[in-house]
Amino acid sequence: MAKKTWFVYILRCKDKSLYTGITIDVTARIAVHNSGRGAAYTRGRVPVKLLWSERQKSESAARKLEAKIKKWKKSEKEAFIKSVI
């Protein structure tokens, strides 16, 4: 069985808030968010726009990075996004 490739991603929501998540298919996941069937947080904040994504070596690594980013203040997330765009 082929090993899945996991990604961590950050979205900008319609209300300018940021959402961080993980997935194995970034394009499909954004489509799910924008259809209103994604995470509860994004359902009332669509459309969303992908700002950043990064491949991780495993689901565990993706979950760890997601948790780390979710602990950052919004200003830290904004600075990170600015530094990688």
N, C-alpha and C. Protein backbone atom coordinates (compact mmCIF):
# COMPACT_ATOMS: atom_id res chain seq x y z
N MET A 1 0.84 -1.19 0.00
CA MET A 1 0.00 0.00 0.00
C MET A 1 0.89 1.25 0.00
N ALA A 2 0.56 2.21 -0.85
CA ALA A 2 1.34 3.44 -0.96
C ALA A 2 1.14 4.31 0.28
N LYS A 3 2.22 4.94 0.68
CA LYS A 3 2.17 5.85 1.82
C LYS A 3 1.49 7.16 1.41
N LYS A 4 0.58 7.65 2.23
CA LYS A 4 -0.11 8.90 1.94
C LYS A 4 0.81 10.08 2.20
N THR A 5 0.66 11.11 1.39
CA THR A 5 1.38 12.36 1.59
C THR A 5 0.45 13.33 2.32
N TRP A 6 0.90 13.84 3.44
CA TRP A 6 0.10 14.76 4.25
C TRP A 6 0.60 16.18 4.10
N PHE A 7 -0.33 17.13 4.18
CA PHE A 7 -0.01 18.55 4.09
C PHE A 7 -0.64 19.30 5.26
N VAL A 8 0.04 20.34 5.70
CA VAL A 8 -0.52 21.32 6.63
C VAL A 8 -0.84 22.54 5.77
N TYR A 9 -1.96 23.19 6.02
CA TYR A 9 -2.32 24.35 5.21
C TYR A 9 -2.92 25.45 6.09
N ILE A 10 -2.82 26.68 5.58
CA ILE A 10 -3.43 27.83 6.23
C ILE A 10 -4.32 28.52 5.22
N LEU A 11 -5.56 28.80 5.63
CA LEU A 11 -6.54 29.48 4.80
C LEU A 11 -6.85 30.86 5.35
N ARG A 12 -7.22 31.77 4.46
CA ARG A 12 -7.79 33.06 4.86
C ARG A 12 -9.28 32.95 4.62
N CYS A 13 -10.05 33.19 5.65
CA CYS A 13 -11.51 33.13 5.55
C CYS A 13 -12.06 34.49 5.11
N LYS A 14 -13.33 34.48 4.71
CA LYS A 14 -14.00 35.70 4.24
C LYS A 14 -13.91 36.83 5.28
N ASP A 15 -13.97 36.47 6.56
CA ASP A 15 -13.93 37.49 7.62
C ASP A 15 -12.51 37.88 8.02
N LYS A 16 -11.52 37.47 7.21
CA LYS A 16 -10.10 37.78 7.40
C LYS A 16 -9.42 36.95 8.49
N SER A 17 -10.17 36.04 9.10
CA SER A 17 -9.55 35.15 10.08
C SER A 17 -8.74 34.08 9.34
N LEU A 18 -7.93 33.35 10.11
CA LEU A 18 -7.09 32.31 9.54
C LEU A 18 -7.51 30.95 10.08
N TYR A 19 -7.43 29.95 9.23
CA TYR A 19 -7.75 28.58 9.63
C TYR A 19 -6.59 27.68 9.23
N THR A 20 -6.17 26.82 10.13
CA THR A 20 -5.10 25.86 9.87
C THR A 20 -5.66 24.45 9.93
N GLY A 21 -5.26 23.62 8.97
CA GLY A 21 -5.72 22.25 8.95
C GLY A 21 -4.71 21.33 8.30
N ILE A 22 -5.07 20.04 8.23
CA ILE A 22 -4.23 19.05 7.55
C ILE A 22 -5.10 18.27 6.57
N THR A 23 -4.46 17.73 5.55
CA THR A 23 -5.17 16.96 4.53
C THR A 23 -4.18 16.16 3.71
N ILE A 24 -4.71 15.23 2.92
CA ILE A 24 -3.86 14.53 1.96
C ILE A 24 -4.08 15.10 0.55
N ASP A 25 -5.10 15.95 0.38
CA ASP A 25 -5.38 16.57 -0.92
C ASP A 25 -5.83 18.01 -0.69
N VAL A 26 -4.90 18.94 -0.84
CA VAL A 26 -5.18 20.34 -0.53
C VAL A 26 -6.29 20.90 -1.42
N THR A 27 -6.21 20.66 -2.70
CA THR A 27 -7.20 21.20 -3.64
C THR A 27 -8.61 20.70 -3.30
N ALA A 28 -8.73 19.42 -3.06
CA ALA A 28 -10.04 18.85 -2.72
C ALA A 28 -10.54 19.39 -1.39
N ARG A 29 -9.64 19.53 -0.43
CA ARG A 29 -10.06 20.01 0.90
C ARG A 29 -10.56 21.44 0.83
N ILE A 30 -9.91 22.29 0.05
CA ILE A 30 -10.37 23.67 -0.09
C ILE A 30 -11.75 23.70 -0.74
N ALA A 31 -11.96 22.84 -1.72
CA ALA A 31 -13.28 22.75 -2.36
C ALA A 31 -14.34 22.35 -1.34
N VAL A 32 -14.01 21.43 -0.45
CA VAL A 32 -14.95 21.01 0.60
C VAL A 32 -15.24 22.19 1.53
N HIS A 33 -14.19 22.90 1.95
CA HIS A 33 -14.40 24.08 2.80
C HIS A 33 -15.33 25.08 2.09
N ASN A 34 -15.03 25.38 0.83
CA ASN A 34 -15.80 26.39 0.11
C ASN A 34 -17.22 25.94 -0.22
N SER A 35 -17.49 24.65 -0.16
CA SER A 35 -18.85 24.16 -0.37
C SER A 35 -19.70 24.29 0.89
N GLY A 36 -19.04 24.65 2.01
CA GLY A 36 -19.76 24.76 3.28
C GLY A 36 -19.81 23.45 4.03
N ARG A 37 -19.09 22.43 3.55
CA ARG A 37 -19.10 21.12 4.21
C ARG A 37 -17.77 20.83 4.92
N GLY A 38 -16.93 21.85 5.05
CA GLY A 38 -15.63 21.65 5.70
C GLY A 38 -15.75 21.74 7.20
N ALA A 39 -14.69 22.18 7.83
CA ALA A 39 -14.66 22.32 9.28
C ALA A 39 -15.75 23.27 9.75
N ALA A 40 -16.25 23.02 10.93
CA ALA A 40 -17.30 23.88 11.50
C ALA A 40 -16.86 25.34 11.51
N TYR A 41 -15.58 25.58 11.79
CA TYR A 41 -15.07 26.95 11.85
C TYR A 41 -15.24 27.68 10.53
N THR A 42 -15.00 27.00 9.42
CA THR A 42 -15.03 27.69 8.13
C THR A 42 -16.43 27.75 7.51
N ARG A 43 -17.37 26.99 8.00
CA ARG A 43 -18.70 26.92 7.36
C ARG A 43 -19.36 28.27 7.17
N GLY A 44 -19.28 29.13 8.15
CA GLY A 44 -19.89 30.45 8.05
C GLY A 44 -18.93 31.52 7.59
N ARG A 45 -17.75 31.11 7.14
CA ARG A 45 -16.71 32.07 6.78
C ARG A 45 -16.22 31.87 5.34
N VAL A 46 -17.03 31.27 4.51
CA VAL A 46 -16.62 31.04 3.13
C VAL A 46 -16.93 32.27 2.28
N PRO A 47 -16.20 32.49 1.19
CA PRO A 47 -15.18 31.60 0.66
C PRO A 47 -13.86 31.71 1.44
N VAL A 48 -13.08 30.65 1.33
CA VAL A 48 -11.74 30.64 1.91
C VAL A 48 -10.72 30.63 0.78
N LYS A 49 -9.52 31.10 1.09
CA LYS A 49 -8.44 31.17 0.11
C LYS A 49 -7.19 30.54 0.71
N LEU A 50 -6.54 29.68 -0.05
CA LEU A 50 -5.30 29.06 0.42
C LEU A 50 -4.18 30.09 0.44
N LEU A 51 -3.52 30.22 1.60
CA LEU A 51 -2.38 31.11 1.73
C LEU A 51 -1.06 30.36 1.70
N TRP A 52 -1.06 29.14 2.26
CA TRP A 52 0.18 28.39 2.41
C TRP A 52 -0.15 26.92 2.63
N SER A 53 0.71 26.06 2.10
CA SER A 53 0.65 24.64 2.44
C SER A 53 2.06 24.08 2.37
N GLU A 54 2.26 23.01 3.13
CA GLU A 54 3.58 22.39 3.15
C GLU A 54 3.43 20.89 3.36
N ARG A 55 4.14 20.13 2.53
CA ARG A 55 4.13 18.67 2.62
C ARG A 55 4.84 18.25 3.91
N GLN A 56 4.31 17.21 4.55
CA GLN A 56 4.91 16.66 5.76
C GLN A 56 5.26 15.20 5.53
N LYS A 57 6.18 14.67 6.33
CA LYS A 57 6.65 13.30 6.10
C LYS A 57 5.66 12.24 6.57
N SER A 58 4.70 12.63 7.42
CA SER A 58 3.73 11.67 7.94
C SER A 58 2.51 12.40 8.49
N GLU A 59 1.46 11.65 8.75
CA GLU A 59 0.28 12.24 9.39
C GLU A 59 0.64 12.79 10.76
N SER A 60 1.47 12.06 11.49
CA SER A 60 1.89 12.51 12.81
C SER A 60 2.62 13.85 12.74
N ALA A 61 3.53 13.98 11.79
CA ALA A 61 4.27 15.24 11.63
C ALA A 61 3.31 16.38 11.27
N ALA A 62 2.34 16.08 10.40
CA ALA A 62 1.35 17.09 10.01
C ALA A 62 0.52 17.53 11.21
N ARG A 63 0.08 16.58 12.01
CA ARG A 63 -0.72 16.92 13.20
C ARG A 63 0.08 17.76 14.20
N LYS A 64 1.34 17.42 14.37
CA LYS A 64 2.20 18.17 15.30
C LYS A 64 2.39 19.61 14.83
N LEU A 65 2.67 19.79 13.53
CA LEU A 65 2.85 21.15 13.01
C LEU A 65 1.54 21.92 13.07
N GLU A 66 0.43 21.28 12.74
CA GLU A 66 -0.87 21.93 12.82
C GLU A 66 -1.12 22.43 14.25
N ALA A 67 -0.86 21.59 15.24
CA ALA A 67 -1.08 21.97 16.64
C ALA A 67 -0.18 23.14 17.02
N LYS A 68 1.05 23.11 16.56
CA LYS A 68 1.99 24.20 16.86
C LYS A 68 1.49 25.52 16.28
N ILE A 69 1.08 25.49 15.00
CA ILE A 69 0.60 26.71 14.35
C ILE A 69 -0.67 27.22 15.02
N LYS A 70 -1.57 26.32 15.41
CA LYS A 70 -2.82 26.73 16.04
C LYS A 70 -2.59 27.42 17.39
N LYS A 71 -1.45 27.20 18.01
CA LYS A 71 -1.12 27.86 19.27
C LYS A 71 -0.57 29.27 19.07
N TRP A 72 -0.16 29.59 17.86
CA TRP A 72 0.38 30.92 17.58
C TRP A 72 -0.72 31.97 17.67
N LYS A 73 -0.34 33.19 18.05
CA LYS A 73 -1.26 34.32 18.00
C LYS A 73 -1.50 34.65 16.53
N LYS A 74 -2.61 35.33 16.25
CA LYS A 74 -2.90 35.69 14.86
C LYS A 74 -1.76 36.51 14.27
N SER A 75 -1.18 37.41 15.05
CA SER A 75 -0.08 38.24 14.54
C SER A 75 1.13 37.39 14.14
N GLU A 76 1.36 36.31 14.87
CA GLU A 76 2.46 35.41 14.52
C GLU A 76 2.15 34.65 13.22
N LYS A 77 0.91 34.25 13.06
CA LYS A 77 0.51 33.57 11.82
C LYS A 77 0.64 34.52 10.64
N GLU A 78 0.19 35.77 10.82
CA GLU A 78 0.29 36.76 9.75
C GLU A 78 1.75 37.01 9.36
N ALA A 79 2.63 37.12 10.36
CA ALA A 79 4.05 37.33 10.09
C ALA A 79 4.64 36.13 9.35
N PHE A 80 4.24 34.93 9.75
CA PHE A 80 4.71 33.72 9.08
C PHE A 80 4.27 33.72 7.61
N ILE A 81 2.99 34.00 7.38
CA ILE A 81 2.47 34.03 6.02
C ILE A 81 3.22 35.06 5.19
N LYS A 82 3.43 36.23 5.76
CA LYS A 82 4.15 37.29 5.05
C LYS A 82 5.56 36.85 4.68
N SER A 83 6.18 36.08 5.56
CA SER A 83 7.57 35.65 5.33
C SER A 83 7.70 34.55 4.28
N VAL A 84 6.62 33.82 4.00
CA VAL A 84 6.70 32.70 3.06
C VAL A 84 6.05 32.99 1.71
N ILE A 85 5.37 34.10 1.59
CA ILE A 85 4.72 34.43 0.31
C ILE A 85 5.71 35.20 -0.56
